Protein backbone atom coordinates (compact mmCIF):
# COMPACT_ATOMS: atom_id res chain seq x y z
CA MET A 1 58.35 -26.67 20.16
CA THR A 2 57.74 -26.23 22.89
CA ALA A 3 55.82 -22.84 23.65
CA MET A 4 56.84 -20.27 25.39
CA SER A 5 55.32 -19.61 28.71
CA ARG A 6 53.32 -15.94 29.18
CA GLN A 7 56.59 -14.85 31.30
CA ASP A 8 59.34 -15.78 28.98
CA ARG A 9 57.26 -13.92 26.61
CA SER A 10 57.19 -11.03 28.86
CA SER A 11 60.45 -11.33 28.98
CA ALA A 12 61.79 -11.19 25.38
CA ARG A 13 59.36 -8.71 24.90
CA SER A 14 61.06 -5.96 27.46
CA GLY A 15 65.00 -7.52 25.59
CA GLY A 16 65.63 -9.63 28.93
CA ALA A 17 67.98 -12.68 28.42
CA GLY A 18 67.08 -14.94 25.54
CA SER A 19 65.72 -11.54 23.57
CA THR A 20 65.43 -12.02 20.29
CA PRO A 21 65.88 -8.78 17.70
CA PRO A 22 62.55 -7.56 16.67
CA PRO A 23 61.26 -8.42 13.00
CA ASN A 24 62.46 -6.71 9.96
CA SER A 25 60.08 -5.92 7.19
CA ALA A 26 59.53 -9.29 5.74
CA GLY A 27 58.76 -10.57 9.11
CA TYR A 28 56.11 -8.19 10.11
CA GLY A 29 54.43 -7.90 6.94
CA ARG A 30 53.97 -12.13 7.61
CA PHE A 31 52.18 -11.54 11.01
CA LEU A 32 50.15 -8.80 9.60
CA GLY A 33 49.16 -11.52 6.87
CA ARG A 34 48.49 -14.66 9.57
CA SER A 35 46.59 -11.90 11.47
CA VAL A 36 43.95 -10.56 9.08
CA LEU A 37 43.89 -14.45 7.66
CA GLY A 38 42.68 -15.42 11.07
CA VAL A 39 40.74 -13.09 11.29
CA ILE A 40 38.30 -13.56 7.72
CA VAL A 41 38.56 -17.43 8.56
CA PRO A 42 37.86 -18.52 12.13
CA GLY A 43 40.82 -21.45 13.03
CA LEU A 44 43.15 -20.53 10.89
CA GLY A 45 45.01 -18.23 13.02
CA LEU A 46 45.63 -20.91 15.38
CA ILE A 47 46.66 -23.35 13.33
CA LEU A 48 49.01 -21.10 12.13
CA ALA A 49 50.21 -19.26 15.89
CA GLY A 50 51.09 -23.60 16.29
CA ARG A 51 47.24 -24.25 18.52
CA ARG A 52 47.07 -26.97 15.61
CA ARG A 53 44.52 -28.90 17.48
CA ILE A 54 41.99 -26.02 18.89
CA GLY A 55 42.93 -24.53 15.54
CA TYR A 56 41.47 -27.06 13.33
CA LEU A 57 38.14 -27.36 15.22
CA VAL A 58 37.25 -24.32 15.32
CA LEU A 59 37.88 -24.53 11.47
CA GLY A 60 35.91 -27.46 11.12
CA ILE A 61 33.16 -25.81 13.35
CA PHE A 62 32.88 -23.30 10.79
CA LEU A 63 33.16 -24.83 7.56
CA ALA A 64 30.60 -27.06 8.96
CA GLY A 65 27.79 -24.46 9.55
CA VAL A 66 29.03 -22.43 6.45
CA ALA A 67 28.18 -25.68 4.19
CA ALA A 68 25.00 -25.77 6.63
CA VAL A 69 23.62 -22.34 5.73
CA VAL A 70 24.43 -22.71 2.32
CA PHE A 71 23.17 -26.04 1.74
CA TYR A 72 19.19 -24.66 3.69
CA VAL A 73 19.63 -21.94 1.45
CA TRP A 74 19.96 -24.47 -2.03
CA GLN A 75 17.53 -26.69 -0.38
CA ALA A 76 14.60 -24.47 1.17
CA GLY A 77 14.08 -22.10 -2.61
CA GLN A 78 12.17 -19.43 -1.96
CA THR A 79 9.11 -20.51 -0.39
CA ARG A 80 10.58 -21.98 3.21
CA LEU A 81 12.98 -18.82 2.85
CA VAL A 82 9.68 -16.57 3.23
CA ARG A 83 8.11 -18.47 5.69
CA LEU A 84 11.00 -18.79 7.54
CA GLY A 85 11.16 -15.39 7.85
CA THR A 86 7.37 -14.68 8.82
CA ASP A 87 7.59 -16.73 12.25
CA ALA A 88 8.38 -14.26 14.74
CA ASP A 89 10.18 -16.90 16.99
CA ARG A 90 12.66 -17.89 14.39
CA VAL A 91 13.13 -14.40 13.74
CA ASN A 92 14.34 -13.84 17.30
CA VAL A 93 16.17 -17.13 17.61
CA ILE A 94 17.97 -15.66 14.10
CA GLY A 95 19.18 -12.18 15.97
CA TYR A 96 20.66 -13.88 18.43
CA GLY A 97 22.29 -16.41 16.73
CA LEU A 98 23.77 -13.88 14.88
CA ILE A 99 25.42 -11.66 18.04
CA ALA A 100 26.43 -15.48 19.13
CA VAL A 101 28.16 -15.86 16.21
CA ALA A 102 29.56 -12.53 15.33
CA ALA A 103 30.81 -12.52 19.09
CA THR A 104 32.60 -16.05 19.14
CA TRP A 105 34.09 -15.20 15.76
CA LEU A 106 35.65 -11.85 17.56
CA LEU A 107 36.95 -13.61 20.52
CA VAL A 108 38.77 -16.34 18.06
CA ALA A 109 40.71 -13.55 16.12
CA LEU A 110 41.88 -11.71 19.11
CA VAL A 111 42.94 -14.82 20.67
CA SER A 112 44.92 -16.03 17.13
CA PHE A 113 46.30 -12.00 17.58
CA TYR A 114 47.62 -12.29 20.79
CA LEU A 115 49.26 -15.50 19.90
CA LEU A 116 50.71 -14.34 16.61
CA GLU A 117 51.96 -11.75 17.64
CA PRO A 118 55.77 -11.52 18.05
CA ARG A 119 58.68 -11.13 20.41
CA GLY A 120 60.15 -7.31 20.42
CA LEU A 121 57.71 -5.60 17.98
CA SER A 122 57.65 -1.82 19.01
CA ALA A 123 54.61 0.21 20.30
CA PRO A 124 53.95 2.17 16.97
CA ARG A 125 54.00 -1.50 15.17
CA ARG A 126 52.03 -3.51 17.31
CA TRP A 127 49.16 -0.63 17.49
CA LEU A 128 48.93 -0.43 13.71
CA ALA A 129 48.43 -4.57 13.25
CA ALA A 130 46.15 -3.75 15.78
CA PHE A 131 44.39 -1.32 13.98
CA LEU A 132 44.61 -2.78 11.07
CA VAL A 133 42.85 -6.08 12.33
CA ILE A 134 40.14 -3.98 13.93
CA VAL A 135 39.19 -2.90 10.25
CA VAL A 136 38.88 -5.80 8.67
CA ALA A 137 36.96 -7.76 11.88
CA SER A 138 34.63 -4.39 11.31
CA ALA A 139 33.84 -5.67 7.52
CA VAL A 140 33.71 -9.83 8.13
CA LEU A 141 31.36 -9.10 11.54
CA THR A 142 29.22 -5.53 10.72
CA PRO A 143 27.05 -8.32 8.23
CA MET A 144 25.72 -10.49 10.93
CA GLY A 145 25.34 -7.10 13.01
CA ILE A 146 22.89 -5.93 10.40
CA GLY A 147 21.18 -8.89 9.82
CA SER A 148 20.68 -9.25 13.61
CA HIS A 149 19.24 -5.68 13.09
CA TYR A 150 16.96 -6.91 10.64
CA ALA A 151 15.84 -9.45 12.88
CA PHE A 152 15.04 -7.80 15.55
CA THR A 153 13.09 -5.63 13.05
CA GLN A 154 11.18 -8.20 11.32
CA ARG A 155 10.25 -9.45 14.94
CA ASP A 156 8.49 -5.76 16.75
CA PHE A 157 7.34 -5.25 13.00
CA ILE A 158 4.83 -8.78 13.09
CA GLN A 159 4.33 -8.66 16.40
CA SER A 160 3.11 -4.50 15.98
CA VAL A 161 0.96 -5.63 13.13
CA PHE A 162 -0.37 -8.54 12.75
CA PRO A 163 -2.61 -9.84 15.64
CA ASP A 164 -1.69 -12.35 18.38
CA GLU A 165 -4.26 -14.86 17.68
CA GLU A 166 -5.03 -15.70 20.73
CA GLU A 167 -5.57 -12.23 21.34
CA ARG A 168 -8.03 -11.60 18.09
CA HIS A 169 -11.99 -11.70 17.72
CA SER A 170 -13.28 -11.71 14.62
CA LEU A 171 -16.25 -12.43 12.53
CA THR A 172 -15.35 -13.91 9.57
CA ILE A 173 -12.36 -15.40 10.10
CA PRO A 174 -12.71 -19.16 9.58
CA GLU A 175 -11.97 -20.65 12.99
CA ASN A 176 -11.15 -23.85 11.68
CA SER A 177 -7.98 -23.00 10.18
CA THR A 178 -5.22 -25.08 10.69
CA ASP A 179 -1.45 -25.39 10.13
CA GLU A 180 -2.14 -27.91 8.12
CA ASP A 181 -5.05 -26.37 6.33
CA PRO A 182 -4.44 -22.80 6.80
CA TRP A 183 -8.01 -21.95 4.06
CA ALA A 184 -9.61 -23.97 6.33
CA GLY A 185 -10.87 -26.10 3.24
CA LYS A 186 -11.78 -23.04 1.14
CA ASP A 187 -10.33 -23.10 -2.74
CA ARG A 188 -9.99 -18.81 -2.77
CA VAL A 189 -9.45 -16.99 0.08
CA ASN A 190 -11.19 -13.74 -0.63
CA VAL A 191 -8.92 -10.15 1.67
CA LEU A 192 -10.91 -6.73 1.39
CA ILE A 193 -8.27 -3.80 0.63
CA LEU A 194 -9.47 -0.78 1.85
CA GLY A 195 -7.59 2.30 0.68
CA SER A 196 -8.28 5.28 3.82
CA ASP A 197 -8.61 8.78 3.15
CA ALA A 198 -6.82 9.00 7.33
CA ASP A 199 -4.01 11.44 7.99
CA GLU A 200 -2.86 13.77 10.21
CA HIS A 201 -5.03 16.79 8.24
CA ARG A 202 -8.19 14.63 8.57
CA GLU A 203 -10.25 13.68 11.17
CA GLY A 204 -11.70 10.14 11.50
CA VAL A 205 -11.50 7.80 8.57
CA ARG A 206 -13.36 7.13 5.66
CA ALA A 207 -13.43 3.79 2.99
CA ASP A 208 -12.09 5.80 0.24
CA THR A 209 -10.93 2.81 -1.59
CA ILE A 210 -12.83 -0.70 -1.37
CA MET A 211 -11.74 -3.34 -2.97
CA VAL A 212 -11.93 -7.88 -2.85
CA ALA A 213 -8.58 -10.01 -4.01
CA SER A 214 -9.94 -13.17 -4.50
CA ILE A 215 -7.28 -15.67 -4.71
CA ASP A 216 -7.36 -18.96 -5.47
CA THR A 217 -5.05 -20.90 -2.50
CA GLY A 218 -3.10 -23.26 -5.06
CA THR A 219 -2.80 -21.58 -7.88
CA GLY A 220 -2.24 -17.62 -6.54
CA ASP A 221 -4.78 -17.03 -9.86
CA THR A 222 -6.12 -13.63 -8.98
CA ALA A 223 -9.57 -11.11 -8.72
CA LEU A 224 -10.05 -8.24 -8.50
CA PHE A 225 -13.37 -6.63 -7.34
CA SER A 226 -13.64 -2.38 -7.52
CA ILE A 227 -16.55 -1.62 -5.52
CA PRO A 228 -17.96 1.88 -6.36
CA ARG A 229 -17.66 3.91 -2.25
CA ASN A 230 -21.00 6.14 -3.17
CA LEU A 231 -22.88 2.27 -3.66
CA GLN A 232 -25.88 2.76 -1.40
CA HIS A 233 -28.41 0.24 0.08
CA THR A 234 -26.07 -2.41 0.56
CA PRO A 235 -27.45 -5.54 2.13
CA PHE A 236 -26.07 -7.43 5.22
CA PRO A 237 -26.54 -11.15 6.12
CA ASP A 238 -28.41 -12.94 8.56
CA GLY A 239 -27.90 -10.85 11.66
CA PRO A 240 -28.50 -7.65 13.49
CA LEU A 241 -27.25 -5.78 10.66
CA ARG A 242 -30.02 -6.53 8.65
CA ASP A 243 -32.51 -6.88 11.21
CA ALA A 244 -32.16 -3.01 11.95
CA TYR A 245 -31.38 -2.71 7.98
CA PRO A 246 -33.99 -4.72 6.07
CA ASP A 247 -33.61 -3.18 2.84
CA GLY A 248 -29.90 -2.58 2.44
CA PHE A 249 -27.59 0.39 4.54
CA ARG A 250 -30.11 3.27 3.35
CA GLY A 251 -31.03 6.75 5.24
CA THR A 252 -30.60 10.68 4.88
CA PRO A 253 -28.42 12.30 3.91
CA GLU A 254 -27.26 10.27 1.24
CA ALA A 255 -23.89 10.03 1.97
CA GLU A 256 -23.92 9.07 5.39
CA TYR A 257 -25.52 5.78 4.04
CA TRP A 258 -22.62 5.40 0.94
CA ILE A 259 -20.59 2.08 1.63
CA SER A 260 -17.60 3.60 2.46
CA SER A 261 -19.34 5.02 5.58
CA ILE A 262 -20.37 1.72 6.98
CA TYR A 263 -17.09 1.93 8.81
CA ASN A 264 -17.60 5.03 10.88
CA ASN A 265 -21.72 4.85 10.90
CA ILE A 266 -22.19 0.72 11.85
CA PRO A 267 -20.19 -0.02 15.01
CA PRO A 268 -21.49 2.64 16.75
CA GLN A 269 -24.72 1.44 16.35
CA PHE A 270 -24.07 -1.92 16.94
CA PRO A 271 -21.58 -1.94 19.98
CA ASP A 272 -22.34 -5.28 21.37
CA TYR A 273 -22.62 -7.33 18.12
CA PHE A 274 -18.82 -5.99 17.84
CA ASP A 275 -17.17 -6.06 21.01
CA GLY A 276 -13.45 -6.68 21.90
CA ILE A 277 -13.13 -6.88 17.73
CA ASN A 278 -9.93 -4.37 17.76
CA ASP A 279 -11.64 -2.39 14.26
CA PRO A 280 -14.95 -2.40 14.17
CA GLY A 281 -15.44 -0.87 11.28
CA ALA A 282 -13.19 -3.22 8.75
CA GLU A 283 -15.44 -5.93 10.26
CA ALA A 284 -18.89 -4.51 9.24
CA THR A 285 -17.74 -3.59 6.38
CA LYS A 286 -16.25 -7.10 5.26
CA LEU A 287 -19.52 -8.41 6.60
CA ALA A 288 -21.66 -5.23 3.82
CA VAL A 289 -18.94 -6.38 1.17
CA GLY A 290 -18.86 -9.64 1.31
CA GLU A 291 -23.13 -10.00 1.23
CA ALA A 292 -22.94 -7.70 -1.91
CA LEU A 293 -20.30 -9.22 -4.09
CA GLY A 294 -21.88 -12.62 -2.62
CA LEU A 295 -18.32 -14.04 -1.01
CA ASP A 296 -17.65 -14.54 2.28
CA ILE A 297 -14.74 -12.37 3.18
CA ASP A 298 -11.76 -14.14 5.43
CA TYR A 299 -9.49 -11.05 6.19
CA TYR A 300 -9.40 -7.20 5.62
CA VAL A 301 -6.25 -4.86 4.61
CA MET A 302 -6.33 -1.62 5.00
CA VAL A 303 -3.93 1.30 4.39
CA ASN A 304 -3.87 4.78 4.61
CA LEU A 305 -2.22 8.17 2.14
CA ASP A 306 0.64 8.56 4.35
CA GLY A 307 1.08 4.87 3.93
CA PHE A 308 1.17 4.38 -0.16
CA LYS A 309 3.23 7.21 -0.23
CA ALA A 310 6.03 6.11 1.97
CA LEU A 311 5.26 2.60 0.05
CA VAL A 312 5.43 3.43 -2.74
CA ASP A 313 8.76 5.43 -2.15
CA ALA A 314 10.33 2.44 -0.41
CA LEU A 315 10.11 0.27 -3.01
CA GLY A 316 12.03 3.06 -5.50
CA GLY A 317 8.87 3.70 -6.74
CA VAL A 318 6.87 2.26 -9.65
CA VAL A 319 6.50 1.55 -13.35
CA ILE A 320 3.12 1.62 -15.22
CA ASP A 321 1.87 3.15 -18.40
CA VAL A 322 0.17 6.35 -18.03
CA PRO A 323 -2.76 6.58 -20.60
CA TYR A 324 -3.30 10.02 -20.32
CA ALA A 325 -2.30 13.23 -19.14
CA ILE A 326 -3.15 13.36 -15.03
CA PRO A 327 -2.89 17.02 -12.71
CA MET A 328 -1.89 17.29 -9.69
CA GLY A 329 -3.21 18.98 -6.95
CA THR A 330 -6.13 20.32 -8.47
CA ARG A 331 -9.68 20.37 -6.19
CA ALA A 332 -12.91 21.09 -7.29
CA THR A 333 -14.12 24.99 -6.93
CA PRO A 334 -17.25 26.72 -5.53
CA TRP A 335 -18.28 27.66 -9.20
CA GLY A 336 -17.81 23.89 -10.89
CA THR A 337 -14.25 24.36 -12.00
CA CYS A 338 -11.20 23.23 -10.88
CA THR A 339 -8.34 25.09 -9.55
CA GLU A 340 -5.22 24.70 -10.86
CA PRO A 341 -2.50 21.66 -11.38
CA ARG A 342 0.72 22.13 -9.60
CA ALA A 343 2.36 19.49 -11.42
CA TRP A 344 1.20 17.05 -14.35
CA ILE A 345 1.44 12.84 -14.19
CA ASP A 346 2.38 12.87 -18.65
CA GLU A 347 0.76 10.71 -20.64
CA GLY A 348 3.58 7.83 -21.54
CA ASP A 349 4.37 4.58 -21.17
CA GLU A 350 6.69 2.58 -18.49
CA GLN A 351 6.67 5.66 -16.17
CA ARG A 352 8.35 5.54 -12.86
CA LEU A 353 5.69 7.38 -10.29
CA THR A 354 7.41 8.36 -7.05
CA GLY A 355 4.99 7.87 -4.06
CA GLY A 356 3.14 11.11 -4.76
CA GLU A 357 2.26 10.74 -8.37
CA ALA A 358 1.02 7.22 -7.39
CA LEU A 359 -1.14 8.66 -5.11
CA TRP A 360 -2.25 11.16 -7.84
CA PHE A 361 -2.34 8.56 -10.58
CA ALA A 362 -5.00 6.14 -8.32
CA ARG A 363 -6.57 9.11 -6.44
CA ALA A 364 -7.18 12.46 -8.47
CA ARG A 365 -10.67 12.97 -10.14
CA CYS A 366 -10.73 16.81 -10.54
CA GLY A 367 -9.33 17.56 -14.03
CA PRO A 368 -10.21 17.14 -17.47
CA PRO A 369 -12.25 13.75 -18.44
CA PRO A 370 -11.94 10.73 -18.11
CA VAL A 371 -9.64 12.50 -15.30
CA SER A 372 -13.08 13.38 -13.88
CA ASP A 373 -14.85 9.39 -14.05
CA ASP A 374 -14.85 7.74 -11.01
CA TYR A 375 -15.19 4.93 -12.50
CA GLU A 376 -11.72 5.36 -14.49
CA ARG A 377 -10.59 5.92 -11.50
CA MET A 378 -11.01 2.47 -9.90
CA ARG A 379 -9.81 1.09 -13.19
CA ARG A 380 -6.02 3.68 -12.51
CA GLN A 381 -6.08 1.53 -9.21
CA ARG A 382 -6.60 -1.76 -9.97
CA CYS A 383 -3.40 -0.64 -12.71
CA LEU A 384 -1.61 0.05 -10.36
CA ILE A 385 -2.33 -2.20 -7.57
CA GLY A 386 -1.29 -4.83 -10.48
CA ALA A 387 1.85 -2.80 -11.20
CA ILE A 388 3.01 -3.48 -7.90
CA ALA A 389 2.22 -6.98 -7.32
CA GLU A 390 4.34 -7.70 -10.29
CA GLN A 391 7.20 -5.36 -9.41
CA THR A 392 7.92 -5.89 -5.70
CA ASP A 393 10.20 -8.45 -5.70
CA PRO A 394 12.41 -10.43 -2.79
CA PHE A 395 15.14 -9.04 -3.48
CA ARG A 396 13.87 -5.77 -4.44
CA LEU A 397 12.52 -5.93 -0.65
CA LEU A 398 14.91 -7.12 1.58
CA THR A 399 17.48 -4.22 0.55
CA ARG A 400 14.55 -1.69 0.49
CA TYR A 401 13.68 -3.58 4.06
CA LEU A 402 14.30 -0.28 6.50
CA GLN A 403 12.01 1.34 4.48
CA LEU A 404 9.05 -0.80 4.08
CA GLU A 405 8.95 -1.92 7.35
CA TYR A 406 8.35 1.98 8.75
CA ALA A 407 6.07 2.50 6.39
CA VAL A 408 4.01 -0.92 6.87
CA ARG A 409 4.25 -0.28 10.96
CA GLN A 410 3.54 3.16 11.09
CA ASN A 411 0.76 3.56 7.68
CA ILE A 412 -1.52 -0.23 8.11
CA SER A 413 -3.35 -2.02 9.79
CA THR A 414 -4.89 -5.56 9.19
CA ASP A 415 -6.71 -8.69 11.02
CA ILE A 416 -4.48 -11.21 9.30
CA GLY A 417 -2.61 -12.54 12.60
CA GLN A 418 1.17 -14.17 13.19
CA ARG A 419 0.05 -17.76 12.36
CA ARG A 420 -1.45 -16.68 9.49
CA LEU A 421 1.52 -15.11 7.92
CA GLU A 422 3.84 -17.31 6.44
CA ASP A 423 0.98 -18.71 5.30
CA PHE A 424 0.13 -15.66 3.15
CA ALA A 425 3.53 -14.46 2.64
CA GLU A 426 4.20 -18.23 0.51
CA LEU A 427 0.42 -17.06 -1.53
CA ALA A 428 1.86 -13.88 -2.33
CA LEU A 429 4.82 -15.69 -4.19
CA ARG A 430 2.20 -17.17 -6.01
CA VAL A 431 0.07 -14.34 -7.00
CA GLN A 432 3.20 -12.93 -8.60
CA LYS A 433 3.11 -16.11 -10.79
CA GLY A 434 -0.60 -16.25 -11.36
CA GLU A 435 -2.83 -14.67 -13.62
CA MET A 436 -4.55 -11.44 -12.41
CA ARG A 437 -7.48 -10.39 -13.07
CA SER A 438 -10.16 -7.55 -12.30
CA LEU A 439 -13.75 -6.14 -12.51
CA PRO A 440 -14.67 -2.69 -11.27
CA PHE A 441 -18.72 -2.67 -10.91
CA THR A 442 -19.06 0.59 -12.85
CA ASP A 443 -22.07 2.12 -14.71
CA GLU A 444 -21.53 -0.20 -17.47
CA VAL A 445 -22.45 -2.85 -15.34
CA ILE A 446 -24.59 -1.76 -12.30
CA GLN A 447 -26.44 2.09 -10.69
CA TYR A 448 -24.92 2.29 -7.94
CA ARG A 449 -28.17 4.35 -6.32
CA SER A 450 -30.44 1.73 -7.06
CA PRO A 451 -27.78 -1.89 -7.87
CA ASP A 452 -29.11 -5.33 -8.81
CA PHE A 453 -27.16 -6.90 -5.94
CA GLU A 454 -27.67 -10.31 -7.65
CA LEU A 455 -26.33 -9.60 -10.98
CA MET A 456 -23.24 -8.53 -9.40
CA ARG A 457 -22.91 -12.20 -7.43
CA GLN A 458 -23.75 -13.64 -11.15
CA PHE A 459 -20.43 -11.26 -12.69
CA VAL A 460 -18.58 -12.59 -9.68
CA ARG A 461 -19.71 -15.68 -10.00
CA GLU A 462 -18.60 -16.16 -13.95
CA SER A 463 -15.79 -14.54 -12.97
CA LEU A 464 -14.57 -16.81 -10.30
CA GLU A 465 -15.57 -19.68 -13.36
CA PRO A 466 -15.19 -17.80 -16.24
CA PRO A 467 -17.31 -19.63 -18.48
CA GLU A 468 -15.94 -20.50 -22.27
CA GLU A 469 -15.33 -18.21 -24.92
CA PRO A 470 -18.28 -18.76 -27.51
CA ALA A 471 -17.18 -19.83 -30.83
CA GLY A 472 -16.08 -15.94 -33.04
CA GLY A 473 -15.17 -14.64 -29.36
CA SER A 474 -18.35 -12.62 -28.95
CA THR A 475 -19.49 -12.10 -25.51
CA THR A 476 -22.29 -11.60 -23.39
CA PRO A 477 -22.66 -10.27 -19.36
CA PRO A 478 -23.66 -13.24 -17.32
CA ASP A 479 -27.34 -12.01 -17.46
CA GLY A 480 -27.65 -12.61 -21.35
CA THR A 481 -28.03 -9.21 -22.04
CA ASP A 482 -26.41 -7.87 -24.76
CA GLU A 483 -23.72 -4.69 -24.19
CA GLY A 484 -26.06 -2.17 -25.54
CA ASP A 485 -28.42 -2.95 -22.92
CA THR A 486 -26.67 -3.44 -20.29
CA PRO A 487 -27.94 -0.14 -18.00
CA ILE A 488 -25.66 3.23 -17.56
CA THR A 489 -26.01 5.13 -14.16
CA ASP A 490 -26.77 9.22 -15.66
CA ILE A 491 -23.30 10.63 -14.34
CA GLY A 492 -24.93 13.78 -14.52
CA ALA A 493 -26.70 13.23 -11.78
CA ASP A 494 -23.99 12.34 -9.35
CA THR A 495 -20.78 11.71 -10.38
CA SER A 496 -19.40 8.53 -8.02
CA GLY A 497 -16.48 9.77 -6.47
CA ASP A 498 -16.75 14.08 -6.04
CA THR A 499 -17.68 14.53 -2.00
CA ASP A 500 -18.06 11.68 0.43
CA LEU A 501 -20.30 13.88 2.94
CA THR A 502 -23.36 15.80 2.27
CA ASP A 503 -20.91 19.49 3.21
CA GLY A 504 -19.13 18.26 -0.25
CA THR A 505 -15.71 18.05 0.91
CA ASP A 506 -13.49 16.56 -1.61
CA LEU A 507 -10.47 13.93 -1.03
CA THR A 508 -8.38 15.08 -2.51
CA ASP A 509 -7.31 17.43 -0.16
CA GLY A 510 -10.09 18.14 2.41
CA THR A 511 -11.32 21.63 1.44
CA ASP A 512 -15.26 22.12 0.79
CA ALA A 513 -16.58 22.29 -3.17
CA PRO A 514 -19.39 20.91 -4.46
CA ALA A 515 -19.68 17.88 -6.01
CA GLU A 516 -20.97 19.25 -9.76
CA HIS A 517 -17.85 19.66 -12.20
CA GLY A 518 -19.39 20.64 -15.80
CA THR A 519 -17.31 23.90 -17.40
CA GLU A 520 -15.82 24.17 -20.33
CA THR A 521 -12.49 24.49 -18.14
CA GLY A 522 -13.85 22.04 -15.65
CA THR A 523 -13.53 18.78 -15.40
CA ILE A 524 -16.61 15.71 -16.73
CA ASP A 525 -19.14 16.18 -19.32
CA THR A 526 -22.25 15.50 -17.50
CA ASP A 527 -24.06 14.32 -20.24
CA GLN A 528 -21.73 11.16 -21.85
CA PRO A 529 -19.76 8.78 -19.44
CA ALA A 530 -16.33 9.38 -20.52
CA GLU A 531 -14.16 8.90 -22.61
CA THR A 532 -10.32 7.31 -21.94
CA GLY A 533 -9.03 7.10 -25.49
CA THR A 534 -8.10 3.36 -25.61
CA ASP A 535 -9.89 0.66 -26.89
CA GLN A 536 -10.15 -1.33 -23.68
CA PRO A 537 -12.43 -4.18 -22.64
CA THR A 538 -15.99 -2.86 -21.02
CA GLU A 539 -17.07 -4.14 -17.99
CA ALA A 540 -20.08 -5.46 -19.35
CA GLU A 541 -17.68 -8.35 -20.37
CA GLY A 542 -17.19 -9.03 -16.67
CA ALA A 543 -13.00 -9.69 -15.37
CA GLN A 544 -10.18 -9.12 -17.89
CA LEU A 545 -6.28 -9.65 -17.22
CA ILE A 546 -4.84 -6.63 -15.58
CA ASP A 547 -2.78 -6.44 -18.34
CA GLU A 548 -5.30 -5.94 -20.64
CA VAL A 549 -7.37 -3.26 -18.44
CA CYS A 550 -4.10 -1.20 -18.04
């Protein structure tokens, strides 16, 4: 059958010679069905309109493309898909590719609609058909638009949060890492995790939470080491920092020489040493923490208070066992007591906490024992990190991506470069499947005012290569002493976490208050370490599985 010319079609629609009657209801319904199929399956509308050669070509390309995508997803697996989404250049190609596919798809659908339109169709019916095609096309193409938006958002996120390799300078990141050997031949990569108290109500940055995640690059098995923020006499590695502080970071007033104050106080003293480094405070802290633990700290990640709340909320909350009631909104008063809490996190298993509740779970320090024990607070922080890592699955990340992206971009900083991002993303999958153990350096292990750093390093070595359990299941500390001989600090002398500076600034809300608690209505029994009320292994036994600790 010879196709009609454009002039013939126009003449037919105007009722000229050779025109046919307007289509009946059955013919109009068939037109609508074919038009919709032409939108859903590219090329099918052209075939039904008589343009078989071009129609089969378009349909073949479409089916081949779908098959290729399905095969790649099936063949790639989770690891390669994660790598695909963590490379800025590849993500950029995906974004523009989705736009090109959507535009081509829409063009084919419109041409099919035009060719399928019957002669003599009234204007109302034509507009109704066009509206139906637009609705169907929107439903089909909107996911591509969303995917393209996600891709460009991911590209901008990678470029804004993770530094460019060529512009980055560091004293600790391995220089000989390559794409083939991202960990520079090391069996473990060590990442410093800093929780800063920076927010819109505070000036400057204080490293309120200090942890190290030592990750086995092959298995993903992870050891978490928590360090008290008021640790004193912290040593530095060989170089100008050790020359200036040969006996460790010490001086008066004490609070200005806690390990948490290195972030602010060291870089201004050595501007040339940290020249060209984006975050000299984090770099200085990496050097000090690494020397204290006997580890080479490779990278750091720092999150502030607002970022932590936003991150947990973006994940839809976190499910965790709450071992005892925890007050929210309390702060120390000049009389050694605590203000009334605005709410409580009730004791109970598998409770879903919001971002604000999770923040108080991790940071609460003014309340009845054991809330007021700073070492117990370190334990809660490790449990929370373990819960978040365990519950962060790819589907949740995808469905809540935009909220997560905003939370991370605004509130997290790191020196993990763009080139290593995909390697860390793959490593994160192993961490979720691996074993997570933790060891906080509490008063069961060290005295924060005069710490035995060699003992700390010995604990770290034993934690990374745990010895075989002796017969009978008993365990002794790395130095061979019985648990009862482990030195216990005098918590009553100076609780390790009530104040941050000599003026007594309470980190919970920034108000001034003395460091000491201890009234009946107050927060801590200063004569004895706080009892947790749970049957937990002691830190003197070395690193423990997160599930056992929490």
